[in-house]
Amino acid sequence: QVYLRESGGGLVQPGESLRLSCAGSGIIVSRTTMAWYRQAPGNQRELVANVTGGGSTNYADSVKGRFTISRDHARNTVYLQMNNLKPEDTAVYYCNGYWKSNFWGRGTQVTVSS
């Protein structure tokens, strides 16, 4: 059974940083494509960033230069470093991984507000 557990969300002010973590079990995060998505109220879920098994990364235009996706093989964890956060980054952030099937975490809330 595959489980993905997100953590690290919270309430921050514009310009501040957060690091989200996604701990995997039943899946080897370094050997498959892992992604972060987000969903704001009233909006569809959108891709924020992904990293392939080969290490290639892809970012939404809205977060390029501010967010960085990375992985720690030893901890079997995927991270999303979010810098210079903006109010429009407010959303529930979900971890996604493909391991014979598509799996999602339950999400972690990120709120950017002054």
C-alpha atoms as a PDB file:
ATOM      1  CA  GLN A   1       0.000   0.000   0.000  1.00  0.00           C
ATOM      2  CA  VAL A   2       1.280   3.433  -0.945  1.00  0.00           C
ATOM      3  CA  TYR A   3       0.955   6.347   1.436  1.00  0.00           C
ATOM      4  CA  LEU A   4       2.026   9.948   0.910  1.00  0.00           C
ATOM      5  CA  ARG A   5       1.969  12.272   3.910  1.00  0.00           C
ATOM      6  CA  GLU A   6       2.433  16.001   3.521  1.00  0.00           C
ATOM      7  CA  SER A   7       3.596  18.349   6.242  1.00  0.00           C
ATOM      8  CA  GLY A   8       5.010  21.826   6.630  1.00  0.00           C
ATOM      9  CA  GLY A   9       2.081  24.015   5.723  1.00  0.00           C
ATOM     10  CA  GLY A  10       1.047  27.022   7.743  1.00  0.00           C
ATOM     11  CA  LEU A  11       0.255  30.701   7.848  1.00  0.00           C
ATOM     12  CA  VAL A  12       2.970  33.080   6.679  1.00  0.00           C
ATOM     13  CA  GLN A  13       3.232  36.679   5.568  1.00  0.00           C
ATOM     14  CA  PRO A  14       3.967  37.711   1.986  1.00  0.00           C
ATOM     15  CA  GLY A  15       7.650  37.414   1.187  1.00  0.00           C
ATOM     16  CA  GLU A  16       8.288  34.658   3.708  1.00  0.00           C
ATOM     17  CA  SER A  17       9.246  31.046   3.047  1.00  0.00           C
ATOM     18  CA  LEU A  18       7.950  27.572   3.795  1.00  0.00           C
ATOM     19  CA  ARG A  19       9.228  24.096   3.076  1.00  0.00           C
ATOM     20  CA  LEU A  20       6.704  21.358   2.452  1.00  0.00           C
ATOM     21  CA  SER A  21       7.601  17.711   2.932  1.00  0.00           C
ATOM     22  CA  CYS A  22       6.019  14.603   1.478  1.00  0.00           C
ATOM     23  CA  ALA A  23       7.059  11.370   3.151  1.00  0.00           C
ATOM     24  CA  GLY A  24       6.397   8.256   1.126  1.00  0.00           C
ATOM     25  CA  SER A  25       5.825   4.657   2.141  1.00  0.00           C
ATOM     26  CA  GLY A  26       5.254   1.788  -0.238  1.00  0.00           C
ATOM     27  CA  ILE A  27       6.812   3.906  -2.977  1.00  0.00           C
ATOM     28  CA  ILE A  28      10.395   4.833  -3.811  1.00  0.00           C
ATOM     29  CA  VAL A  29      10.159   8.549  -4.473  1.00  0.00           C
ATOM     30  CA  SER A  30      13.548   8.715  -6.194  1.00  0.00           C
ATOM     31  CA  ARG A  31      12.555   6.177  -8.827  1.00  0.00           C
ATOM     32  CA  THR A  32       9.360   7.690 -10.123  1.00  0.00           C
ATOM     33  CA  THR A  33       7.825  11.011 -11.026  1.00  0.00           C
ATOM     34  CA  MET A  34       6.739  12.910  -7.972  1.00  0.00           C
ATOM     35  CA  ALA A  35       4.773  16.136  -8.044  1.00  0.00           C
ATOM     36  CA  TRP A  36       3.247  18.886  -5.985  1.00  0.00           C
ATOM     37  CA  TYR A  37      -0.183  20.193  -6.904  1.00  0.00           C
ATOM     38  CA  ARG A  38      -2.277  22.873  -5.279  1.00  0.00           C
ATOM     39  CA  GLN A  39      -5.927  23.769  -5.150  1.00  0.00           C
ATOM     40  CA  ALA A  40      -7.314  27.104  -4.063  1.00  0.00           C
ATOM     41  CA  PRO A  41     -11.005  27.522  -3.144  1.00  0.00           C
ATOM     42  CA  GLY A  42     -13.143  27.615  -6.274  1.00  0.00           C
ATOM     43  CA  ASN A  43     -10.230  26.632  -8.494  1.00  0.00           C
ATOM     44  CA  GLN A  44      -9.173  23.423 -10.147  1.00  0.00           C
ATOM     45  CA  ARG A  45      -6.196  21.509  -8.852  1.00  0.00           C
ATOM     46  CA  GLU A  46      -3.083  22.648 -10.703  1.00  0.00           C
ATOM     47  CA  LEU A  47       0.428  21.339 -11.100  1.00  0.00           C
ATOM     48  CA  VAL A  48       3.013  23.333  -9.172  1.00  0.00           C
ATOM     49  CA  ALA A  49       6.166  21.310  -9.809  1.00  0.00           C
ATOM     50  CA  ASN A  50       7.312  17.810 -10.605  1.00  0.00           C
ATOM     51  CA  VAL A  51      10.508  15.824 -10.699  1.00  0.00           C
ATOM     52  CA  THR A  52      10.974  12.740 -12.849  1.00  0.00           C
ATOM     53  CA  GLY A  53      12.753   9.550 -11.920  1.00  0.00           C
ATOM     54  CA  GLY A  54      15.685  10.832 -13.942  1.00  0.00           C
ATOM     55  CA  GLY A  55      15.791  14.066 -11.991  1.00  0.00           C
ATOM     56  CA  SER A  56      14.300  16.476 -14.522  1.00  0.00           C
ATOM     57  CA  THR A  57      12.156  19.167 -12.989  1.00  0.00           C
ATOM     58  CA  ASN A  58       9.240  21.183 -14.267  1.00  0.00           C
ATOM     59  CA  TYR A  59       7.532  24.214 -12.724  1.00  0.00           C
ATOM     60  CA  ALA A  60       4.391  26.187 -13.267  1.00  0.00           C
ATOM     61  CA  ASP A  61       5.186  29.608 -14.695  1.00  0.00           C
ATOM     62  CA  SER A  62       3.682  31.264 -11.627  1.00  0.00           C
ATOM     63  CA  VAL A  63       6.265  29.705  -9.288  1.00  0.00           C
ATOM     64  CA  LYS A  64       9.406  29.611 -11.444  1.00  0.00           C
ATOM     65  CA  GLY A  65      12.329  31.181  -9.645  1.00  0.00           C
ATOM     66  CA  ARG A  66      10.566  31.025  -6.278  1.00  0.00           C
ATOM     67  CA  PHE A  67       9.832  27.324  -5.658  1.00  0.00           C
ATOM     68  CA  THR A  68      12.212  24.370  -5.777  1.00  0.00           C
ATOM     69  CA  ILE A  69      11.282  20.692  -5.778  1.00  0.00           C
ATOM     70  CA  SER A  70      13.810  18.188  -4.461  1.00  0.00           C
ATOM     71  CA  ARG A  71      14.086  14.661  -3.101  1.00  0.00           C
ATOM     72  CA  ASP A  72      15.957  12.886  -0.333  1.00  0.00           C
ATOM     73  CA  HIS A  73      16.434   9.233  -1.207  1.00  0.00           C
ATOM     74  CA  ALA A  74      17.530   8.224   2.287  1.00  0.00           C
ATOM     75  CA  ARG A  75      14.425   9.773   3.840  1.00  0.00           C
ATOM     76  CA  ASN A  76      12.202   8.761   0.912  1.00  0.00           C
ATOM     77  CA  THR A  77      10.830  12.280   1.018  1.00  0.00           C
ATOM     78  CA  VAL A  78      10.025  14.934  -1.537  1.00  0.00           C
ATOM     79  CA  TYR A  79      10.281  18.604  -0.650  1.00  0.00           C
ATOM     80  CA  LEU A  80       8.904  21.836  -1.998  1.00  0.00           C
ATOM     81  CA  GLN A  81      10.885  24.871  -0.928  1.00  0.00           C
ATOM     82  CA  MET A  82       8.703  27.936  -1.373  1.00  0.00           C
ATOM     83  CA  ASN A  83      10.351  31.345  -1.192  1.00  0.00           C
ATOM     84  CA  ASN A  84       8.960  34.846  -1.603  1.00  0.00           C
ATOM     85  CA  LEU A  85       5.443  33.593  -1.023  1.00  0.00           C
ATOM     86  CA  LYS A  86       2.542  35.613  -2.361  1.00  0.00           C
ATOM     87  CA  PRO A  87      -1.129  35.735  -1.332  1.00  0.00           C
ATOM     88  CA  GLU A  88      -2.007  33.982  -4.594  1.00  0.00           C
ATOM     89  CA  ASP A  89       0.019  30.976  -3.424  1.00  0.00           C
ATOM     90  CA  THR A  90      -2.641  30.327  -0.793  1.00  0.00           C
ATOM     91  CA  ALA A  91      -4.032  26.841  -1.377  1.00  0.00           C
ATOM     92  CA  VAL A  92      -4.063  23.271  -0.179  1.00  0.00           C
ATOM     93  CA  TYR A  93      -0.904  21.626  -1.465  1.00  0.00           C
ATOM     94  CA  TYR A  94      -1.012  17.970  -2.429  1.00  0.00           C
ATOM     95  CA  CYS A  95       1.777  15.475  -3.010  1.00  0.00           C
ATOM     96  CA  ASN A  96       1.355  13.128  -5.952  1.00  0.00           C
ATOM     97  CA  GLY A  97       3.271  10.064  -7.008  1.00  0.00           C
ATOM     98  CA  TYR A  98       2.879   7.348  -9.611  1.00  0.00           C
ATOM     99  CA  TRP A  99       3.724   3.790  -8.549  1.00  0.00           C
ATOM    100  CA  LYS A 100       1.796   1.386 -10.768  1.00  0.00           C
ATOM    101  CA  SER A 101      -1.100   3.707 -10.071  1.00  0.00           C
ATOM    102  CA  ASN A 102      -1.632   7.353  -9.226  1.00  0.00           C
ATOM    103  CA  PHE A 103      -1.492   8.238  -5.530  1.00  0.00           C
ATOM    104  CA  TRP A 104      -2.287  11.407  -3.584  1.00  0.00           C
ATOM    105  CA  GLY A 105      -1.638  12.664  -0.104  1.00  0.00           C
ATOM    106  CA  ARG A 106      -4.326  14.368   1.942  1.00  0.00           C
ATOM    107  CA  GLY A 107      -2.870  17.818   1.519  1.00  0.00           C
ATOM    108  CA  THR A 108      -1.463  20.573   3.680  1.00  0.00           C
ATOM    109  CA  GLN A 109      -2.835  24.096   3.911  1.00  0.00           C
ATOM    110  CA  VAL A 110      -0.643  27.041   2.970  1.00  0.00           C
ATOM    111  CA  THR A 111      -2.003  30.490   3.724  1.00  0.00           C
ATOM    112  CA  VAL A 112      -0.135  33.647   2.744  1.00  0.00           C
ATOM    113  CA  SER A 113      -1.632  36.722   4.304  1.00  0.00           C
ATOM    114  CA  SER A 114      -0.594  39.910   6.035  1.00  0.00           C
END
